[in-house]
Amino acid sequence: MNPKNLRDRSRYLGNPSQLFGVEKYKSVDGPSAGNEYFRTRTGSGLEYYVSSGTALDISSLTYKGIPINYLSKNGQVSPALHHPTNSEFLHTFNAGMLYTCGLTSTGDECEEGGIIQPVHGRLHSIPASECCGKTDYQTIDITGKIRETELWGHSLELSRKISSPVGENLVTITDKLTNCTDSDMEFTILYHINFGYPFLSPSLRMIVPKNSEVFARTEEAKKGLEKRYFFTEPVDGKEEELFFHTIPAKNNISSISLENPDLEIGVKISWSADTLPVMIEWKSMKSGEYVLGIEPSNNYVLGRTEERKNGSLKTIKAFETITMSVSMNFYDI
């Protein structure tokens, strides 16, 4: 049965929502109370929740009933409880499938001109407006806008669209970032995509193009450089490792794949190479923080001040719009 075909769909289904669609839910309990979510099902095994309260990030995702994302000890957290200062960030960071960082800083907290640039920025804690979830029976779309602003300072508007074709296992995030001021603005963005157990396990393999370049950020990461694409069981007290990749592009798209032969599933992660030139691998084999982050980015998560010193802090011109895209395509192996 082809769910995109009216005749097939109408013969097999009483109501299309039996198989696919988008529905809105509201959390009524715990730290996420008050937050609203779009539940999306494509009808072929892919299901995910998009949180309108946290910049339309993807809070969780399953494929064929298998949990794919990592969820931190904090669980899902309402933006009302989000405190992005250096120590408090650790009490509210949920990870989830997608946690978008920016827009004025990513990485460590820093202070410039008396203004604090918080850990990984403010974007994730900003509720989206003009949110809409709909399907035309060909594609399921969730759209909205997130505005990050400052009196006398920046005014950045992120128009986000999350799309999945009906009957397929693909999710694509397309972001259009507009500088709504008459001045050029420095900006950062990082797509913090987080994989956890059971998809993350010693059987998981990371497949990267052979002509990719990589370097390690920390001394601990340098020790594990040769084994950066392989994973272990959780290790008590294990320090995290961070690797910076430059992945070659084809038709302006860079891609890597993750495959778990024990579960017989994989995912291809792709992104726009011109606007997201860096791919960060966050590898934590620590017990309780057992996570693999694949993070397309336009920076090296050094913090705004150090990024500028490094020559890697990007600028969006006055009234300019820049487009970024990231996709995850799940498949059987």
C-alpha atoms as a PDB file:
ATOM      1  CA  MET A   1       0.000   0.000   0.000  1.00  0.00           C
ATOM      2  CA  ASN A   2       1.269   3.458  -0.961  1.00  0.00           C
ATOM      3  CA  PRO A   3       0.049   5.930   1.705  1.00  0.00           C
ATOM      4  CA  LYS A   4       0.727   8.863  -0.643  1.00  0.00           C
ATOM      5  CA  ASN A   5      -1.824   7.502  -3.124  1.00  0.00           C
ATOM      6  CA  LEU A   6      -5.435   8.551  -2.437  1.00  0.00           C
ATOM      7  CA  ARG A   7      -6.944   5.319  -3.772  1.00  0.00           C
ATOM      8  CA  ASP A   8      -4.601   3.089  -1.768  1.00  0.00           C
ATOM      9  CA  ARG A   9      -4.924   5.210   1.352  1.00  0.00           C
ATOM     10  CA  SER A  10      -8.707   5.319   1.212  1.00  0.00           C
ATOM     11  CA  ARG A  11      -9.035   1.571   0.641  1.00  0.00           C
ATOM     12  CA  TYR A  12      -6.747   0.456   3.452  1.00  0.00           C
ATOM     13  CA  LEU A  13      -7.340   3.153   6.073  1.00  0.00           C
ATOM     14  CA  GLY A  14     -10.452   4.471   7.747  1.00  0.00           C
ATOM     15  CA  ASN A  15      -8.546   7.583   8.837  1.00  0.00           C
ATOM     16  CA  PRO A  16      -4.973   8.461   7.711  1.00  0.00           C
ATOM     17  CA  SER A  17      -3.972   9.151  11.334  1.00  0.00           C
ATOM     18  CA  GLN A  18      -4.230   5.393  11.882  1.00  0.00           C
ATOM     19  CA  LEU A  19      -0.883   5.185  10.093  1.00  0.00           C
ATOM     20  CA  PHE A  20       0.764   8.615   9.845  1.00  0.00           C
ATOM     21  CA  GLY A  21       0.331  12.270  10.695  1.00  0.00           C
ATOM     22  CA  VAL A  22       1.158  14.981  13.193  1.00  0.00           C
ATOM     23  CA  GLU A  23      -0.645  15.569  16.501  1.00  0.00           C
ATOM     24  CA  LYS A  24      -0.123  18.116  19.276  1.00  0.00           C
ATOM     25  CA  TYR A  25       0.354  17.162  22.921  1.00  0.00           C
ATOM     26  CA  LYS A  26       0.952  19.103  26.138  1.00  0.00           C
ATOM     27  CA  SER A  27       3.031  17.916  29.077  1.00  0.00           C
ATOM     28  CA  VAL A  28       1.156  18.260  32.376  1.00  0.00           C
ATOM     29  CA  ASP A  29       3.610  16.836  34.903  1.00  0.00           C
ATOM     30  CA  GLY A  30       7.221  17.111  36.048  1.00  0.00           C
ATOM     31  CA  PRO A  31       9.955  19.496  34.864  1.00  0.00           C
ATOM     32  CA  SER A  32       8.493  19.608  31.341  1.00  0.00           C
ATOM     33  CA  ALA A  33       5.006  20.666  32.521  1.00  0.00           C
ATOM     34  CA  GLY A  34       3.422  23.196  30.186  1.00  0.00           C
ATOM     35  CA  ASN A  35       5.607  22.351  27.226  1.00  0.00           C
ATOM     36  CA  GLU A  36       3.877  21.446  23.954  1.00  0.00           C
ATOM     37  CA  TYR A  37       5.034  18.790  21.508  1.00  0.00           C
ATOM     38  CA  PHE A  38       4.251  17.800  17.937  1.00  0.00           C
ATOM     39  CA  ARG A  39       4.180  14.009  17.620  1.00  0.00           C
ATOM     40  CA  THR A  40       5.097  12.971  14.080  1.00  0.00           C
ATOM     41  CA  ARG A  41       4.650   9.493  12.572  1.00  0.00           C
ATOM     42  CA  THR A  42       5.608   8.828   8.957  1.00  0.00           C
ATOM     43  CA  GLY A  43       3.884   5.439   8.678  1.00  0.00           C
ATOM     44  CA  SER A  44       7.034   3.455   8.021  1.00  0.00           C
ATOM     45  CA  GLY A  45       8.579   3.145  11.487  1.00  0.00           C
ATOM     46  CA  LEU A  46       9.862   6.671  12.147  1.00  0.00           C
ATOM     47  CA  GLU A  47       8.335   8.593  15.043  1.00  0.00           C
ATOM     48  CA  TYR A  48       9.591  11.758  16.744  1.00  0.00           C
ATOM     49  CA  TYR A  49       8.485  14.589  19.026  1.00  0.00           C
ATOM     50  CA  VAL A  50       9.196  18.248  18.276  1.00  0.00           C
ATOM     51  CA  SER A  51       9.114  20.675  21.216  1.00  0.00           C
ATOM     52  CA  SER A  52       7.596  24.074  20.408  1.00  0.00           C
ATOM     53  CA  GLY A  53       8.723  25.408  23.796  1.00  0.00           C
ATOM     54  CA  THR A  54      12.396  24.787  23.061  1.00  0.00           C
ATOM     55  CA  ALA A  55      13.041  26.279  19.623  1.00  0.00           C
ATOM     56  CA  LEU A  56      11.292  23.423  17.766  1.00  0.00           C
ATOM     57  CA  ASP A  57      14.080  21.026  18.697  1.00  0.00           C
ATOM     58  CA  ILE A  58      13.487  17.271  18.450  1.00  0.00           C
ATOM     59  CA  SER A  59      13.108  15.986  21.985  1.00  0.00           C
ATOM     60  CA  SER A  60      12.985  12.254  21.181  1.00  0.00           C
ATOM     61  CA  LEU A  61      12.988   9.859  18.226  1.00  0.00           C
ATOM     62  CA  THR A  62      12.389   6.166  17.660  1.00  0.00           C
ATOM     63  CA  TYR A  63      12.824   4.014  14.568  1.00  0.00           C
ATOM     64  CA  LYS A  64      10.842   0.769  14.391  1.00  0.00           C
ATOM     65  CA  GLY A  65      10.191   1.192  18.093  1.00  0.00           C
ATOM     66  CA  ILE A  66      13.919   1.418  18.913  1.00  0.00           C
ATOM     67  CA  PRO A  67      14.961   4.485  20.965  1.00  0.00           C
ATOM     68  CA  ILE A  68      17.636   6.377  19.036  1.00  0.00           C
ATOM     69  CA  ASN A  69      18.418   9.492  21.068  1.00  0.00           C
ATOM     70  CA  TYR A  70      20.204  10.087  24.350  1.00  0.00           C
ATOM     71  CA  LEU A  71      18.272  11.745  27.187  1.00  0.00           C
ATOM     72  CA  SER A  72      20.308  13.241  30.008  1.00  0.00           C
ATOM     73  CA  LYS A  73      19.649  12.731  33.713  1.00  0.00           C
ATOM     74  CA  ASN A  74      17.671  15.972  33.668  1.00  0.00           C
ATOM     75  CA  GLY A  75      15.016  14.592  31.315  1.00  0.00           C
ATOM     76  CA  GLN A  76      12.803  16.937  29.330  1.00  0.00           C
ATOM     77  CA  VAL A  77      12.845  20.420  30.842  1.00  0.00           C
ATOM     78  CA  SER A  78      10.489  23.348  30.298  1.00  0.00           C
ATOM     79  CA  PRO A  79      12.178  26.519  28.999  1.00  0.00           C
ATOM     80  CA  ALA A  80      10.844  28.247  32.123  1.00  0.00           C
ATOM     81  CA  LEU A  81      13.397  26.261  34.148  1.00  0.00           C
ATOM     82  CA  HIS A  82      16.286  26.741  31.730  1.00  0.00           C
ATOM     83  CA  HIS A  83      19.246  28.617  33.235  1.00  0.00           C
ATOM     84  CA  PRO A  84      22.091  28.810  30.700  1.00  0.00           C
ATOM     85  CA  THR A  85      24.769  30.146  33.071  1.00  0.00           C
ATOM     86  CA  ASN A  86      27.931  28.085  33.348  1.00  0.00           C
ATOM     87  CA  SER A  87      27.031  25.782  36.249  1.00  0.00           C
ATOM     88  CA  GLU A  88      23.229  25.887  35.998  1.00  0.00           C
ATOM     89  CA  PHE A  89      23.314  24.713  32.358  1.00  0.00           C
ATOM     90  CA  LEU A  90      24.347  21.281  33.621  1.00  0.00           C
ATOM     91  CA  HIS A  91      21.110  21.081  35.650  1.00  0.00           C
ATOM     92  CA  THR A  92      18.799  21.670  32.679  1.00  0.00           C
ATOM     93  CA  PHE A  93      20.553  20.339  29.549  1.00  0.00           C
ATOM     94  CA  ASN A  94      18.362  17.493  28.326  1.00  0.00           C
ATOM     95  CA  ALA A  95      20.226  16.535  25.091  1.00  0.00           C
ATOM     96  CA  GLY A  96      17.349  14.788  23.267  1.00  0.00           C
ATOM     97  CA  MET A  97      17.591  13.984  19.567  1.00  0.00           C
ATOM     98  CA  LEU A  98      18.341  17.563  18.510  1.00  0.00           C
ATOM     99  CA  TYR A  99      19.436  20.448  20.740  1.00  0.00           C
ATOM    100  CA  THR A 100      20.238  23.554  18.684  1.00  0.00           C
ATOM    101  CA  CYS A 101      22.923  25.840  20.119  1.00  0.00           C
ATOM    102  CA  GLY A 102      23.516  29.549  19.374  1.00  0.00           C
ATOM    103  CA  LEU A 103      22.833  32.121  18.112  1.00  0.00           C
ATOM    104  CA  THR A 104      25.402  34.516  19.556  1.00  0.00           C
ATOM    105  CA  SER A 105      27.690  31.941  21.182  1.00  0.00           C
ATOM    106  CA  THR A 106      28.302  28.220  21.539  1.00  0.00           C
ATOM    107  CA  GLY A 107      30.713  26.408  23.800  1.00  0.00           C
ATOM    108  CA  ASP A 108      31.933  27.820  27.095  1.00  0.00           C
ATOM    109  CA  GLU A 109      30.427  30.827  28.825  1.00  0.00           C
ATOM    110  CA  CYS A 110      32.199  34.140  28.328  1.00  0.00           C
ATOM    111  CA  GLU A 111      31.551  37.830  28.991  1.00  0.00           C
ATOM    112  CA  GLU A 112      31.930  40.667  26.512  1.00  0.00           C
ATOM    113  CA  GLY A 113      31.098  44.307  27.196  1.00  0.00           C
ATOM    114  CA  GLY A 114      29.332  43.382  30.410  1.00  0.00           C
ATOM    115  CA  ILE A 115      27.056  40.915  28.592  1.00  0.00           C
ATOM    116  CA  ILE A 116      27.238  37.232  29.511  1.00  0.00           C
ATOM    117  CA  GLN A 117      27.285  34.821  26.591  1.00  0.00           C
ATOM    118  CA  PRO A 118      25.920  31.636  28.204  1.00  0.00           C
ATOM    119  CA  VAL A 119      26.961  28.039  27.643  1.00  0.00           C
ATOM    120  CA  HIS A 120      25.759  26.971  24.181  1.00  0.00           C
ATOM    121  CA  GLY A 121      23.728  30.166  23.840  1.00  0.00           C
ATOM    122  CA  ARG A 122      20.086  31.050  24.450  1.00  0.00           C
ATOM    123  CA  LEU A 123      18.357  29.631  21.376  1.00  0.00           C
ATOM    124  CA  HIS A 124      17.179  26.297  22.799  1.00  0.00           C
ATOM    125  CA  SER A 125      15.418  28.035  25.709  1.00  0.00           C
ATOM    126  CA  ILE A 126      13.324  30.299  23.455  1.00  0.00           C
ATOM    127  CA  PRO A 127       9.780  29.108  22.637  1.00  0.00           C
ATOM    128  CA  ALA A 128       8.897  29.170  18.950  1.00  0.00           C
ATOM    129  CA  SER A 129       6.014  31.259  17.627  1.00  0.00           C
ATOM    130  CA  GLU A 130       3.662  30.790  14.651  1.00  0.00           C
ATOM    131  CA  CYS A 131       3.977  27.023  15.163  1.00  0.00           C
ATOM    132  CA  CYS A 132       2.098  24.764  12.795  1.00  0.00           C
ATOM    133  CA  GLY A 133       2.023  21.025  12.134  1.00  0.00           C
ATOM    134  CA  LYS A 134       0.294  19.731   9.009  1.00  0.00           C
ATOM    135  CA  THR A 135       0.337  17.108   6.275  1.00  0.00           C
ATOM    136  CA  ASP A 136      -0.786  17.202   2.655  1.00  0.00           C
ATOM    137  CA  TYR A 137      -0.578  13.375   2.587  1.00  0.00           C
ATOM    138  CA  GLN A 138       2.751  13.618   0.758  1.00  0.00           C
ATOM    139  CA  THR A 139       4.865  15.346   3.395  1.00  0.00           C
ATOM    140  CA  ILE A 140       4.520  16.126   7.093  1.00  0.00           C
ATOM    141  CA  ASP A 141       5.733  19.622   7.970  1.00  0.00           C
ATOM    142  CA  ILE A 142       6.263  21.414  11.276  1.00  0.00           C
ATOM    143  CA  THR A 143       7.088  25.102  11.017  1.00  0.00           C
ATOM    144  CA  GLY A 144       7.709  28.044  13.315  1.00  0.00           C
ATOM    145  CA  LYS A 145       9.905  31.029  14.067  1.00  0.00           C
ATOM    146  CA  ILE A 146      12.377  31.689  16.873  1.00  0.00           C
ATOM    147  CA  ARG A 147      13.551  35.241  17.511  1.00  0.00           C
ATOM    148  CA  GLU A 148      16.673  35.949  19.568  1.00  0.00           C
ATOM    149  CA  THR A 149      16.969  39.653  20.314  1.00  0.00           C
ATOM    150  CA  GLU A 150      18.614  42.277  22.503  1.00  0.00           C
ATOM    151  CA  LEU A 151      17.641  45.908  23.061  1.00  0.00           C
ATOM    152  CA  TRP A 152      20.220  48.063  21.216  1.00  0.00           C
ATOM    153  CA  GLY A 153      21.797  44.841  19.951  1.00  0.00           C
ATOM    154  CA  HIS A 154      21.068  41.880  17.724  1.00  0.00           C
ATOM    155  CA  SER A 155      17.752  40.779  16.225  1.00  0.00           C
ATOM    156  CA  LEU A 156      18.078  37.341  14.671  1.00  0.00           C
ATOM    157  CA  GLU A 157      15.075  35.409  13.354  1.00  0.00           C
ATOM    158  CA  LEU A 158      15.292  31.677  12.689  1.00  0.00           C
ATOM    159  CA  SER A 159      12.520  30.310  10.473  1.00  0.00           C
ATOM    160  CA  ARG A 160      12.508  26.535  11.005  1.00  0.00           C
ATOM    161  CA  LYS A 161      10.875  23.806   8.939  1.00  0.00           C
ATOM    162  CA  ILE A 162      11.026  20.131   9.932  1.00  0.00           C
ATOM    163  CA  SER A 163       9.825  17.815   7.173  1.00  0.00           C
ATOM    164  CA  SER A 164       9.314  14.086   6.638  1.00  0.00           C
ATOM    165  CA  PRO A 165       7.939  12.422   3.493  1.00  0.00           C
ATOM    166  CA  VAL A 166       4.958  10.191   4.225  1.00  0.00           C
ATOM    167  CA  GLY A 167       5.946   6.517   4.115  1.00  0.00           C
ATOM    168  CA  GLU A 168       9.671   7.247   4.414  1.00  0.00           C
ATOM    169  CA  ASN A 169      12.219   7.384   7.240  1.00  0.00           C
ATOM    170  CA  LEU A 170      13.739  10.788   6.575  1.00  0.00           C
ATOM    171  CA  VAL A 171      13.602  13.932   8.700  1.00  0.00           C
ATOM    172  CA  THR A 172      15.048  17.200   7.382  1.00  0.00           C
ATOM    173  CA  ILE A 173      15.571  20.397   9.370  1.00  0.00           C
ATOM    174  CA  THR A 174      15.783  23.514   7.197  1.00  0.00           C
ATOM    175  CA  ASP A 175      16.638  26.767   8.970  1.00  0.00           C
ATOM    176  CA  LYS A 176      16.631  30.226   7.425  1.00  0.00           C
ATOM    177  CA  LEU A 177      18.446  32.719   9.647  1.00  0.00           C
ATOM    178  CA  THR A 178      17.760  36.414   8.999  1.00  0.00           C
ATOM    179  CA  ASN A 179      19.573  39.403  10.447  1.00  0.00           C
ATOM    180  CA  CYS A 180      16.741  41.877  11.070  1.00  0.00           C
ATOM    181  CA  THR A 181      19.030  44.834  11.809  1.00  0.00           C
ATOM    182  CA  ASP A 182      20.980  47.378   9.784  1.00  0.00           C
ATOM    183  CA  SER A 183      24.299  46.144  11.219  1.00  0.00           C
ATOM    184  CA  ASP A 184      26.389  43.064  10.482  1.00  0.00           C
ATOM    185  CA  MET A 185      26.164  40.561  13.338  1.00  0.00           C
ATOM    186  CA  GLU A 186      28.468  37.819  14.584  1.00  0.00           C
ATOM    187  CA  PHE A 187      26.638  34.528  15.053  1.00  0.00           C
ATOM    188  CA  THR A 188      27.171  30.851  15.807  1.00  0.00           C
ATOM    189  CA  ILE A 189      25.011  27.778  15.310  1.00  0.00           C
ATOM    190  CA  LEU A 190      25.502  24.124  16.210  1.00  0.00           C
ATOM    191  CA  TYR A 191      23.143  21.179  15.673  1.00  0.00           C
ATOM    192  CA  HIS A 192      23.705  19.003  18.739  1.00  0.00           C
ATOM    193  CA  ILE A 193      22.396  15.580  17.549  1.00  0.00           C
ATOM    194  CA  ASN A 194      22.613  13.015  20.349  1.00  0.00           C
ATOM    195  CA  PHE A 195      22.588   9.214  20.013  1.00  0.00           C
ATOM    196  CA  GLY A 196      22.128   6.917  22.998  1.00  0.00           C
ATOM    197  CA  TYR A 197      21.442   3.340  24.058  1.00  0.00           C
ATOM    198  CA  PRO A 198      20.373   0.929  22.593  1.00  0.00           C
ATOM    199  CA  PHE A 199      21.374   2.399  19.228  1.00  0.00           C
ATOM    200  CA  LEU A 200      24.701   3.402  20.786  1.00  0.00           C
ATOM    201  CA  SER A 201      26.500   0.238  21.861  1.00  0.00           C
ATOM    202  CA  PRO A 202      29.830  -1.528  21.233  1.00  0.00           C
ATOM    203  CA  SER A 203      28.372  -2.839  17.951  1.00  0.00           C
ATOM    204  CA  LEU A 204      27.799   0.683  16.565  1.00  0.00           C
ATOM    205  CA  ARG A 205      30.150   1.755  13.786  1.00  0.00           C
ATOM    206  CA  MET A 206      30.742   5.253  12.472  1.00  0.00           C
ATOM    207  CA  ILE A 207      31.346   5.409   8.715  1.00  0.00           C
ATOM    208  CA  VAL A 208      33.218   8.502   7.529  1.00  0.00           C
ATOM    209  CA  PRO A 209      34.614   9.316   4.037  1.00  0.00           C
ATOM    210  CA  LYS A 210      38.265   8.279   3.741  1.00  0.00           C
ATOM    211  CA  ASN A 211      39.539  11.732   2.789  1.00  0.00           C
ATOM    212  CA  SER A 212      38.039  13.395   5.880  1.00  0.00           C
ATOM    213  CA  GLU A 213      40.279  15.426   8.186  1.00  0.00           C
ATOM    214  CA  VAL A 214      40.136  15.231  11.974  1.00  0.00           C
ATOM    215  CA  PHE A 215      41.908  16.582  15.046  1.00  0.00           C
ATOM    216  CA  ALA A 216      41.377  16.078  18.765  1.00  0.00           C
ATOM    217  CA  ARG A 217      40.520  18.949  21.116  1.00  0.00           C
ATOM    218  CA  THR A 218      41.794  17.602  24.443  1.00  0.00           C
ATOM    219  CA  GLU A 219      44.654  15.442  25.675  1.00  0.00           C
ATOM    220  CA  GLU A 220      42.134  12.715  26.556  1.00  0.00           C
ATOM    221  CA  ALA A 221      40.767  12.846  23.008  1.00  0.00           C
ATOM    222  CA  LYS A 222      44.288  12.578  21.574  1.00  0.00           C
ATOM    223  CA  LYS A 223      44.717   9.291  23.427  1.00  0.00           C
ATOM    224  CA  GLY A 224      41.597   7.925  21.740  1.00  0.00           C
ATOM    225  CA  LEU A 225      42.152   9.406  18.284  1.00  0.00           C
ATOM    226  CA  GLU A 226      42.790   6.061  16.579  1.00  0.00           C
ATOM    227  CA  LYS A 227      39.596   4.602  18.052  1.00  0.00           C
ATOM    228  CA  ARG A 228      37.381   7.629  17.455  1.00  0.00           C
ATOM    229  CA  TYR A 229      34.945   5.646  15.274  1.00  0.00           C
ATOM    230  CA  PHE A 230      34.541   2.729  17.705  1.00  0.00           C
ATOM    231  CA  PHE A 231      32.568   2.494  20.940  1.00  0.00           C
ATOM    232  CA  THR A 232      32.737   0.514  24.188  1.00  0.00           C
ATOM    233  CA  GLU A 233      30.442  -0.472  27.006  1.00  0.00           C
ATOM    234  CA  PRO A 234      29.911   2.319  29.584  1.00  0.00           C
ATOM    235  CA  VAL A 235      33.045   2.977  31.652  1.00  0.00           C
ATOM    236  CA  ASP A 236      32.834   4.366  35.197  1.00  0.00           C
ATOM    237  CA  GLY A 237      34.511   7.773  35.443  1.00  0.00           C
ATOM    238  CA  LYS A 238      35.543   7.896  31.759  1.00  0.00           C
ATOM    239  CA  GLU A 239      36.354  11.413  30.526  1.00  0.00           C
ATOM    240  CA  GLU A 240      34.543  12.707  27.445  1.00  0.00           C
ATOM    241  CA  GLU A 241      36.370  13.066  24.109  1.00  0.00           C
ATOM    242  CA  LEU A 242      35.869  15.734  21.463  1.00  0.00           C
ATOM    243  CA  PHE A 243      36.964  15.463  17.823  1.00  0.00           C
ATOM    244  CA  PHE A 244      36.679  18.047  15.047  1.00  0.00           C
ATOM    245  CA  HIS A 245      36.034  16.702  11.542  1.00  0.00           C
ATOM    246  CA  THR A 246      36.122  18.287   8.110  1.00  0.00           C
ATOM    247  CA  ILE A 247      33.957  16.038   5.941  1.00  0.00           C
ATOM    248  CA  PRO A 248      34.319  16.396   2.141  1.00  0.00           C
ATOM    249  CA  ALA A 249      31.190  17.559   0.354  1.00  0.00           C
ATOM    250  CA  LYS A 250      29.397  16.332  -2.732  1.00  0.00           C
ATOM    251  CA  ASN A 251      27.010  18.833  -4.310  1.00  0.00           C
ATOM    252  CA  ASN A 252      27.473  20.956  -1.182  1.00  0.00           C
ATOM    253  CA  ILE A 253      26.306  18.137   1.126  1.00  0.00           C
ATOM    254  CA  SER A 254      28.540  16.434   3.710  1.00  0.00           C
ATOM    255  CA  SER A 255      27.483  13.095   5.200  1.00  0.00           C
ATOM    256  CA  ILE A 256      28.480  10.370   7.637  1.00  0.00           C
ATOM    257  CA  SER A 257      26.660   7.188   8.639  1.00  0.00           C
ATOM    258  CA  LEU A 258      26.110   5.222  11.836  1.00  0.00           C
ATOM    259  CA  GLU A 259      25.239   1.528  11.650  1.00  0.00           C
ATOM    260  CA  ASN A 260      24.333  -0.977  14.338  1.00  0.00           C
ATOM    261  CA  PRO A 261      24.403  -4.494  12.841  1.00  0.00           C
ATOM    262  CA  ASP A 262      22.990  -6.046  16.027  1.00  0.00           C
ATOM    263  CA  LEU A 263      19.845  -3.951  15.631  1.00  0.00           C
ATOM    264  CA  GLU A 264      20.051  -4.150  11.819  1.00  0.00           C
ATOM    265  CA  ILE A 265      19.480  -0.411  11.409  1.00  0.00           C
ATOM    266  CA  GLY A 266      21.499   2.617  10.415  1.00  0.00           C
ATOM    267  CA  VAL A 267      21.201   6.338   9.845  1.00  0.00           C
ATOM    268  CA  LYS A 268      22.828   8.708   7.364  1.00  0.00           C
ATOM    269  CA  ILE A 269      23.343  12.214   8.758  1.00  0.00           C
ATOM    270  CA  SER A 270      23.790  14.937   6.130  1.00  0.00           C
ATOM    271  CA  TRP A 271      24.193  18.713   6.284  1.00  0.00           C
ATOM    272  CA  SER A 272      24.861  21.814   4.181  1.00  0.00           C
ATOM    273  CA  ALA A 273      28.647  22.022   3.873  1.00  0.00           C
ATOM    274  CA  ASP A 274      28.880  25.711   2.951  1.00  0.00           C
ATOM    275  CA  THR A 275      27.055  26.966   6.056  1.00  0.00           C
ATOM    276  CA  LEU A 276      28.104  24.138   8.425  1.00  0.00           C
ATOM    277  CA  PRO A 277      31.772  23.437   7.589  1.00  0.00           C
ATOM    278  CA  VAL A 278      32.667  21.697  10.884  1.00  0.00           C
ATOM    279  CA  MET A 279      31.398  18.362  12.231  1.00  0.00           C
ATOM    280  CA  ILE A 280      32.067  17.822  15.922  1.00  0.00           C
ATOM    281  CA  GLU A 281      32.071  14.327  17.386  1.00  0.00           C
ATOM    282  CA  TRP A 282      31.226  14.285  21.083  1.00  0.00           C
ATOM    283  CA  LYS A 283      32.085  10.851  22.407  1.00  0.00           C
ATOM    284  CA  SER A 284      31.244  10.075  26.022  1.00  0.00           C
ATOM    285  CA  MET A 285      31.568   6.463  27.141  1.00  0.00           C
ATOM    286  CA  LYS A 286      31.062   7.475  30.782  1.00  0.00           C
ATOM    287  CA  SER A 287      28.500   5.533  32.792  1.00  0.00           C
ATOM    288  CA  GLY A 288      25.273   7.562  32.955  1.00  0.00           C
ATOM    289  CA  GLU A 289      26.537   9.974  30.290  1.00  0.00           C
ATOM    290  CA  TYR A 290      26.758   7.298  27.585  1.00  0.00           C
ATOM    291  CA  VAL A 291      26.260   9.352  24.428  1.00  0.00           C
ATOM    292  CA  LEU A 292      27.556  10.019  20.942  1.00  0.00           C
ATOM    293  CA  GLY A 293      26.997  13.524  19.629  1.00  0.00           C
ATOM    294  CA  ILE A 294      27.213  14.242  15.898  1.00  0.00           C
ATOM    295  CA  GLU A 295      27.218  18.029  15.667  1.00  0.00           C
ATOM    296  CA  PRO A 296      27.313  19.931  12.352  1.00  0.00           C
ATOM    297  CA  SER A 297      28.416  23.467  13.145  1.00  0.00           C
ATOM    298  CA  ASN A 298      29.764  26.753  11.805  1.00  0.00           C
ATOM    299  CA  ASN A 299      32.277  27.021  14.686  1.00  0.00           C
ATOM    300  CA  TYR A 300      34.553  25.073  17.052  1.00  0.00           C
ATOM    301  CA  VAL A 301      32.539  25.511  20.302  1.00  0.00           C
ATOM    302  CA  LEU A 302      35.302  27.634  21.843  1.00  0.00           C
ATOM    303  CA  GLY A 303      32.974  30.358  23.111  1.00  0.00           C
ATOM    304  CA  ARG A 304      32.382  33.688  21.384  1.00  0.00           C
ATOM    305  CA  THR A 305      35.587  35.409  22.507  1.00  0.00           C
ATOM    306  CA  GLU A 306      37.935  32.529  21.706  1.00  0.00           C
ATOM    307  CA  GLU A 307      36.119  31.850  18.426  1.00  0.00           C
ATOM    308  CA  ARG A 308      36.861  35.404  17.338  1.00  0.00           C
ATOM    309  CA  LYS A 309      40.547  35.028  18.295  1.00  0.00           C
ATOM    310  CA  ASN A 310      40.591  31.773  16.347  1.00  0.00           C
ATOM    311  CA  GLY A 311      39.246  33.531  13.248  1.00  0.00           C
ATOM    312  CA  SER A 312      36.263  31.192  13.078  1.00  0.00           C
ATOM    313  CA  LEU A 313      33.447  33.478  14.310  1.00  0.00           C
ATOM    314  CA  LYS A 314      31.052  33.936  11.391  1.00  0.00           C
ATOM    315  CA  THR A 315      29.155  37.090  10.446  1.00  0.00           C
ATOM    316  CA  ILE A 316      25.705  37.574   8.949  1.00  0.00           C
ATOM    317  CA  LYS A 317      25.355  40.836   7.056  1.00  0.00           C
ATOM    318  CA  ALA A 318      22.654  43.424   7.662  1.00  0.00           C
ATOM    319  CA  PHE A 319      19.276  42.111   6.429  1.00  0.00           C
ATOM    320  CA  GLU A 320      20.930  38.969   5.044  1.00  0.00           C
ATOM    321  CA  THR A 321      19.350  35.495   5.163  1.00  0.00           C
ATOM    322  CA  ILE A 322      21.491  32.358   5.486  1.00  0.00           C
ATOM    323  CA  THR A 323      20.102  28.833   5.028  1.00  0.00           C
ATOM    324  CA  MET A 324      21.303  25.754   6.943  1.00  0.00           C
ATOM    325  CA  SER A 325      20.010  22.208   6.564  1.00  0.00           C
ATOM    326  CA  VAL A 326      20.510  18.934   8.447  1.00  0.00           C
ATOM    327  CA  SER A 327      18.864  15.584   7.747  1.00  0.00           C
ATOM    328  CA  MET A 328      18.703  12.088   9.227  1.00  0.00           C
ATOM    329  CA  ASN A 329      17.759   9.214   6.942  1.00  0.00           C
ATOM    330  CA  PHE A 330      17.129   5.899   8.732  1.00  0.00           C
ATOM    331  CA  TYR A 331      17.451   2.552   6.965  1.00  0.00           C
ATOM    332  CA  ASP A 332      17.681  -1.195   7.475  1.00  0.00           C
ATOM    333  CA  ILE A 333      20.936  -3.108   7.088  1.00  0.00           C
END
